[in-house]
Structures are given as structure tokens and as C-alpha cells.
Amino acid sequence: MTLILILLIGPLGVFLLLFIKRPLVEILGENNKLVFKLKNAIWFQNHWFSGIFLFIMNAVLFFSTVLMLYILAYFSIPFIHLLVMIFAVIGSILLWIIINKASLSTKKNRWKMATVGSSFYIILTLMFIYWLVTLKPSYPDEDTFMKAIGLVLGVIVTMVAFISCFVITGYPNKKAGN
């Protein structure tokens, strides 16, 4: 029952955040240091470079979260891994909002940037699907059910991350006039 709740509440919560995107974007304000630095960076206003920057930042956030979860597996602190995952989601959404506010591109170029940047999650999704399809036991009579559950959860998480990243970074805030 708990797994089903996590599978339903997690993506629904993220999609709810996407519907209330405008108030989230307004939280950071125009005077944010990172938004100011990225707006004034000449390379960032090129949609290909900003897309590669977004791709790299998504990779850094993902792998640092995986590393933290791996390290926490050696400690017996209950529920701390859930906090790490929640903070990773909040950090990713904040990064995507900052990139949204800093981009001065046209709608078409924003979509290109969002496609390049969020393609990191599509690559991960394809890797998880490949591992799931080619999943074989390491030894006779090994039960691969738990591995399969983990890979299915990986596919769900990376698809939700792709959609969220693309929507937040690819669609300008209507109030900004882009």
C-alpha cells in the first residue's frame, strides 16, 4: 500500500506544482543573484549553451543525490533518505525556475534549450528501460522482482523529472512577456 501511495502522490504532487508554476516563479523575485549572473552571461543567452548547461546541472544534481543516498545506506538513520530525495526535488525545481527567469530567448529557442537540458532524464529513462528488459538473474533461482521494481520506479521518476524540467524551463512565465 505504501509503494502505491508513493507512486501516486509523488508524480501528482509534481504535476500539481507544474499547474501552479507562476507563483513559484514569482517567489525568487527579479533580484536573485543567480538569475542576475545568468542573465548577464553572454554564453547563457545562446539556447544551445544554456541547454548544455541545464543538462550538466541536471546530471550534477542527480549524481550528487545518488551519491548521498549511497553513503546514507551505510548508516541506520530511518527516513533520512526520504528527506534527501525531497530536498533533491526542491533543489531541481529551484534550479529550473532560476534558468527559466534568466533565459531571454524566444519561445522556439526556449523549447530547444529545454529539450537539450531535459534530455538527460530521457537518456536515464532509456537506460532504465534497457536494464529492465535485459534483466537476468545473476545465479540460478535468483528472484529479480525487487530489481525490476527498482527499475520501474527509476523509469517513473526520470519521466516525471523530464516532463517537469521541460515544462518549467521551456515555457516562459506569461507575466514576463516572453
C-alpha atoms as a PDB file:
ATOM      1  CA  MET A   1       0.000   0.000   0.000  1.00  0.00           C
ATOM      2  CA  THR A   2       2.826   2.421   0.826  1.00  0.00           C
ATOM      3  CA  LEU A   3       4.519   1.879  -2.534  1.00  0.00           C
ATOM      4  CA  ILE A   4       1.277   2.619  -4.359  1.00  0.00           C
ATOM      5  CA  LEU A   5       0.823   5.826  -2.354  1.00  0.00           C
ATOM      6  CA  ILE A   6       4.355   6.958  -3.193  1.00  0.00           C
ATOM      7  CA  LEU A   7       3.812   6.146  -6.871  1.00  0.00           C
ATOM      8  CA  LEU A   8       0.584   8.138  -6.932  1.00  0.00           C
ATOM      9  CA  ILE A   9       1.358  11.035  -4.612  1.00  0.00           C
ATOM     10  CA  GLY A  10       4.866  11.788  -5.938  1.00  0.00           C
ATOM     11  CA  PRO A  11       4.012  12.383  -9.622  1.00  0.00           C
ATOM     12  CA  LEU A  12       0.677  14.001  -8.727  1.00  0.00           C
ATOM     13  CA  GLY A  13       2.468  16.406  -6.397  1.00  0.00           C
ATOM     14  CA  VAL A  14       4.971  17.353  -9.080  1.00  0.00           C
ATOM     15  CA  PHE A  15       2.233  17.833 -11.685  1.00  0.00           C
ATOM     16  CA  LEU A  16       0.322  19.991  -9.203  1.00  0.00           C
ATOM     17  CA  LEU A  17       3.454  22.124  -8.856  1.00  0.00           C
ATOM     18  CA  LEU A  18       3.518  22.498 -12.631  1.00  0.00           C
ATOM     19  CA  PHE A  19      -0.016  23.893 -12.604  1.00  0.00           C
ATOM     20  CA  ILE A  20       0.913  26.492 -10.002  1.00  0.00           C
ATOM     21  CA  LYS A  21       4.188  27.317 -11.732  1.00  0.00           C
ATOM     22  CA  ARG A  22       3.642  31.085 -11.909  1.00  0.00           C
ATOM     23  CA  PRO A  23       3.544  31.675  -8.120  1.00  0.00           C
ATOM     24  CA  LEU A  24       6.654  29.505  -7.749  1.00  0.00           C
ATOM     25  CA  VAL A  25       8.483  31.567 -10.365  1.00  0.00           C
ATOM     26  CA  GLU A  26       7.499  34.786  -8.601  1.00  0.00           C
ATOM     27  CA  ILE A  27       8.909  33.557  -5.271  1.00  0.00           C
ATOM     28  CA  LEU A  28      12.504  34.055  -6.407  1.00  0.00           C
ATOM     29  CA  GLY A  29      11.982  37.647  -7.491  1.00  0.00           C
ATOM     30  CA  GLU A  30      13.902  39.643 -10.052  1.00  0.00           C
ATOM     31  CA  ASN A  31      16.834  40.496  -7.764  1.00  0.00           C
ATOM     32  CA  ASN A  32      18.095  36.942  -7.317  1.00  0.00           C
ATOM     33  CA  LYS A  33      21.901  36.773  -7.618  1.00  0.00           C
ATOM     34  CA  LEU A  34      21.971  33.636  -9.782  1.00  0.00           C
ATOM     35  CA  VAL A  35      19.288  34.938 -12.129  1.00  0.00           C
ATOM     36  CA  PHE A  36      21.214  38.191 -12.499  1.00  0.00           C
ATOM     37  CA  LYS A  37      24.514  36.395 -13.221  1.00  0.00           C
ATOM     38  CA  LEU A  38      22.962  34.069 -15.794  1.00  0.00           C
ATOM     39  CA  LYS A  39      21.022  36.883 -17.486  1.00  0.00           C
ATOM     40  CA  ASN A  40      24.233  38.849 -17.921  1.00  0.00           C
ATOM     41  CA  ALA A  41      26.289  35.884 -19.146  1.00  0.00           C
ATOM     42  CA  ILE A  42      26.583  36.134 -22.925  1.00  0.00           C
ATOM     43  CA  TRP A  43      27.020  32.387 -23.392  1.00  0.00           C
ATOM     44  CA  PHE A  44      23.792  31.658 -21.486  1.00  0.00           C
ATOM     45  CA  GLN A  45      21.655  33.576 -23.964  1.00  0.00           C
ATOM     46  CA  ASN A  46      22.623  31.055 -26.673  1.00  0.00           C
ATOM     47  CA  HIS A  47      19.958  28.348 -26.394  1.00  0.00           C
ATOM     48  CA  TRP A  48      22.393  25.524 -27.199  1.00  0.00           C
ATOM     49  CA  PHE A  49      24.873  26.552 -24.498  1.00  0.00           C
ATOM     50  CA  SER A  50      22.141  27.124 -21.938  1.00  0.00           C
ATOM     51  CA  GLY A  51      20.671  23.712 -22.834  1.00  0.00           C
ATOM     52  CA  ILE A  52      24.062  22.058 -22.300  1.00  0.00           C
ATOM     53  CA  PHE A  53      24.411  23.965 -19.017  1.00  0.00           C
ATOM     54  CA  LEU A  54      20.990  22.667 -17.938  1.00  0.00           C
ATOM     55  CA  PHE A  55      21.966  19.127 -18.988  1.00  0.00           C
ATOM     56  CA  ILE A  56      25.166  19.290 -16.918  1.00  0.00           C
ATOM     57  CA  MET A  57      23.376  20.779 -13.904  1.00  0.00           C
ATOM     58  CA  ASN A  58      20.718  18.047 -14.063  1.00  0.00           C
ATOM     59  CA  ALA A  59      23.486  15.441 -14.163  1.00  0.00           C
ATOM     60  CA  VAL A  60      25.318  17.031 -11.218  1.00  0.00           C
ATOM     61  CA  LEU A  61      22.139  17.186  -9.126  1.00  0.00           C
ATOM     62  CA  PHE A  62      21.158  13.619  -9.999  1.00  0.00           C
ATOM     63  CA  PHE A  63      24.551  12.038  -9.347  1.00  0.00           C
ATOM     64  CA  SER A  64      25.156  14.010  -6.145  1.00  0.00           C
ATOM     65  CA  THR A  65      21.770  12.799  -4.864  1.00  0.00           C
ATOM     66  CA  VAL A  66      22.625   9.209  -5.810  1.00  0.00           C
ATOM     67  CA  LEU A  67      25.980   9.558  -4.049  1.00  0.00           C
ATOM     68  CA  MET A  68      24.317  10.914  -0.901  1.00  0.00           C
ATOM     69  CA  LEU A  69      21.788   8.063  -0.916  1.00  0.00           C
ATOM     70  CA  TYR A  70      24.604   5.545  -1.406  1.00  0.00           C
ATOM     71  CA  ILE A  71      26.528   6.965   1.547  1.00  0.00           C
ATOM     72  CA  LEU A  72      23.393   7.056   3.709  1.00  0.00           C
ATOM     73  CA  ALA A  73      22.832   3.357   3.025  1.00  0.00           C
ATOM     74  CA  TYR A  74      25.729   2.646   5.393  1.00  0.00           C
ATOM     75  CA  PHE A  75      24.021   4.413   8.305  1.00  0.00           C
ATOM     76  CA  SER A  76      20.935   3.255  10.125  1.00  0.00           C
ATOM     77  CA  ILE A  77      19.143   6.595  10.304  1.00  0.00           C
ATOM     78  CA  PRO A  78      15.487   5.982   9.465  1.00  0.00           C
ATOM     79  CA  PHE A  79      13.715   8.090   6.836  1.00  0.00           C
ATOM     80  CA  ILE A  80      16.710  10.356   6.137  1.00  0.00           C
ATOM     81  CA  HIS A  81      16.794   9.094   2.545  1.00  0.00           C
ATOM     82  CA  LEU A  82      13.271  10.464   2.051  1.00  0.00           C
ATOM     83  CA  LEU A  83      14.439  13.902   3.180  1.00  0.00           C
ATOM     84  CA  VAL A  84      17.376  13.737   0.766  1.00  0.00           C
ATOM     85  CA  MET A  85      15.011  12.923  -2.099  1.00  0.00           C
ATOM     86  CA  ILE A  86      12.619  15.732  -1.133  1.00  0.00           C
ATOM     87  CA  PHE A  87      15.475  18.242  -0.972  1.00  0.00           C
ATOM     88  CA  ALA A  88      16.756  16.991  -4.336  1.00  0.00           C
ATOM     89  CA  VAL A  89      13.356  17.622  -5.917  1.00  0.00           C
ATOM     90  CA  ILE A  90      13.131  21.086  -4.341  1.00  0.00           C
ATOM     91  CA  GLY A  91      16.678  21.906  -5.470  1.00  0.00           C
ATOM     92  CA  SER A  92      15.972  20.767  -9.016  1.00  0.00           C
ATOM     93  CA  ILE A  93      12.779  22.807  -9.236  1.00  0.00           C
ATOM     94  CA  LEU A  94      14.560  25.894  -7.893  1.00  0.00           C
ATOM     95  CA  LEU A  95      17.345  25.445 -10.451  1.00  0.00           C
ATOM     96  CA  TRP A  96      14.810  25.107 -13.264  1.00  0.00           C
ATOM     97  CA  ILE A  97      12.970  28.230 -12.105  1.00  0.00           C
ATOM     98  CA  ILE A  98      16.241  30.180 -11.998  1.00  0.00           C
ATOM     99  CA  ILE A  99      17.035  29.069 -15.544  1.00  0.00           C
ATOM    100  CA  ASN A 100      13.501  29.989 -16.621  1.00  0.00           C
ATOM    101  CA  LYS A 101      13.844  33.501 -15.196  1.00  0.00           C
ATOM    102  CA  ALA A 102      17.349  34.015 -16.624  1.00  0.00           C
ATOM    103  CA  SER A 103      16.528  32.975 -20.182  1.00  0.00           C
ATOM    104  CA  LEU A 104      15.686  35.819 -22.546  1.00  0.00           C
ATOM    105  CA  SER A 105      15.147  33.538 -25.556  1.00  0.00           C
ATOM    106  CA  THR A 106      12.172  33.273 -27.854  1.00  0.00           C
ATOM    107  CA  LYS A 107       9.612  30.526 -27.307  1.00  0.00           C
ATOM    108  CA  LYS A 108      11.142  28.300 -30.006  1.00  0.00           C
ATOM    109  CA  ASN A 109      14.662  28.687 -28.607  1.00  0.00           C
ATOM    110  CA  ARG A 110      13.414  28.009 -25.073  1.00  0.00           C
ATOM    111  CA  TRP A 111      11.943  24.731 -26.299  1.00  0.00           C
ATOM    112  CA  LYS A 112      15.302  23.832 -27.851  1.00  0.00           C
ATOM    113  CA  MET A 113      17.089  24.672 -24.594  1.00  0.00           C
ATOM    114  CA  ALA A 114      14.560  22.691 -22.549  1.00  0.00           C
ATOM    115  CA  THR A 115      14.801  19.711 -24.905  1.00  0.00           C
ATOM    116  CA  VAL A 116      18.604  19.625 -24.726  1.00  0.00           C
ATOM    117  CA  GLY A 117      18.678  20.160 -20.953  1.00  0.00           C
ATOM    118  CA  SER A 118      15.960  17.699 -20.011  1.00  0.00           C
ATOM    119  CA  SER A 119      17.229  15.051 -22.426  1.00  0.00           C
ATOM    120  CA  PHE A 120      19.440  13.895 -19.548  1.00  0.00           C
ATOM    121  CA  TYR A 121      16.333  12.366 -17.997  1.00  0.00           C
ATOM    122  CA  ILE A 122      15.261  10.758 -21.290  1.00  0.00           C
ATOM    123  CA  ILE A 123      18.686   9.125 -21.532  1.00  0.00           C
ATOM    124  CA  LEU A 124      18.297   7.832 -17.962  1.00  0.00           C
ATOM    125  CA  THR A 125      14.796   6.572 -18.746  1.00  0.00           C
ATOM    126  CA  LEU A 126      16.060   4.686 -21.778  1.00  0.00           C
ATOM    127  CA  MET A 127      18.885   3.196 -19.699  1.00  0.00           C
ATOM    128  CA  PHE A 128      16.448   2.019 -17.014  1.00  0.00           C
ATOM    129  CA  ILE A 129      14.145   0.526 -19.649  1.00  0.00           C
ATOM    130  CA  TYR A 130      17.093  -1.270 -21.276  1.00  0.00           C
ATOM    131  CA  TRP A 131      18.220  -2.659 -17.897  1.00  0.00           C
ATOM    132  CA  LEU A 132      14.654  -3.747 -17.162  1.00  0.00           C
ATOM    133  CA  VAL A 133      14.260  -5.538 -20.497  1.00  0.00           C
ATOM    134  CA  THR A 134      17.642  -7.260 -20.218  1.00  0.00           C
ATOM    135  CA  LEU A 135      17.279  -8.104 -16.509  1.00  0.00           C
ATOM    136  CA  LYS A 136      18.546 -11.623 -15.856  1.00  0.00           C
ATOM    137  CA  PRO A 137      19.331 -13.434 -12.619  1.00  0.00           C
ATOM    138  CA  SER A 138      22.981 -13.493 -11.559  1.00  0.00           C
ATOM    139  CA  TYR A 139      22.685 -17.084 -10.405  1.00  0.00           C
ATOM    140  CA  PRO A 140      20.059 -19.841 -10.794  1.00  0.00           C
ATOM    141  CA  ASP A 141      16.861 -19.318  -8.810  1.00  0.00           C
ATOM    142  CA  GLU A 142      17.611 -15.648  -8.059  1.00  0.00           C
ATOM    143  CA  ASP A 143      14.455 -13.593  -7.689  1.00  0.00           C
ATOM    144  CA  THR A 144      14.790 -10.407  -9.765  1.00  0.00           C
ATOM    145  CA  PHE A 145      11.461  -8.952  -8.668  1.00  0.00           C
ATOM    146  CA  MET A 146      12.966  -6.278  -6.386  1.00  0.00           C
ATOM    147  CA  LYS A 147      15.435  -5.228  -9.078  1.00  0.00           C
ATOM    148  CA  ALA A 148      12.549  -4.913 -11.523  1.00  0.00           C
ATOM    149  CA  ILE A 149      10.551  -2.809  -9.040  1.00  0.00           C
ATOM    150  CA  GLY A 150      13.547  -0.501  -8.595  1.00  0.00           C
ATOM    151  CA  LEU A 151      13.977  -0.114 -12.343  1.00  0.00           C
ATOM    152  CA  VAL A 152      10.275   0.620 -12.845  1.00  0.00           C
ATOM    153  CA  LEU A 153      10.478   3.263 -10.113  1.00  0.00           C
ATOM    154  CA  GLY A 154      13.540   4.686 -11.871  1.00  0.00           C
ATOM    155  CA  VAL A 155      11.582   4.937 -15.129  1.00  0.00           C
ATOM    156  CA  ILE A 156       8.703   6.719 -13.371  1.00  0.00           C
ATOM    157  CA  VAL A 157      10.972   9.150 -11.525  1.00  0.00           C
ATOM    158  CA  THR A 158      13.019  10.067 -14.603  1.00  0.00           C
ATOM    159  CA  MET A 159       9.932  10.548 -16.792  1.00  0.00           C
ATOM    160  CA  VAL A 160       8.351  12.850 -14.198  1.00  0.00           C
ATOM    161  CA  ALA A 161      11.655  14.737 -13.941  1.00  0.00           C
ATOM    162  CA  PHE A 162      11.830  15.080 -17.747  1.00  0.00           C
ATOM    163  CA  ILE A 163       8.300  16.443 -18.008  1.00  0.00           C
ATOM    164  CA  SER A 164       8.803  18.810 -15.070  1.00  0.00           C
ATOM    165  CA  CYS A 165      12.145  20.103 -16.319  1.00  0.00           C
ATOM    166  CA  PHE A 166      10.798  20.621 -19.836  1.00  0.00           C
ATOM    167  CA  VAL A 167       7.654  22.435 -18.685  1.00  0.00           C
ATOM    168  CA  ILE A 168       9.381  24.675 -16.146  1.00  0.00           C
ATOM    169  CA  THR A 169      12.314  25.666 -18.375  1.00  0.00           C
ATOM    170  CA  GLY A 170      10.631  25.509 -21.776  1.00  0.00           C
ATOM    171  CA  TYR A 171       7.595  27.657 -21.204  1.00  0.00           C
ATOM    172  CA  PRO A 172       8.177  31.300 -20.294  1.00  0.00           C
ATOM    173  CA  ASN A 173       6.331  32.964 -17.486  1.00  0.00           C
ATOM    174  CA  LYS A 174       3.439  34.777 -19.206  1.00  0.00           C
ATOM    175  CA  LYS A 175       3.844  37.746 -16.904  1.00  0.00           C
ATOM    176  CA  ALA A 176       7.408  38.270 -18.149  1.00  0.00           C
ATOM    177  CA  GLY A 177       6.191  38.984 -21.649  1.00  0.00           C
ATOM    178  CA  ASN A 178       8.368  36.442 -23.484  1.00  0.00           C
END
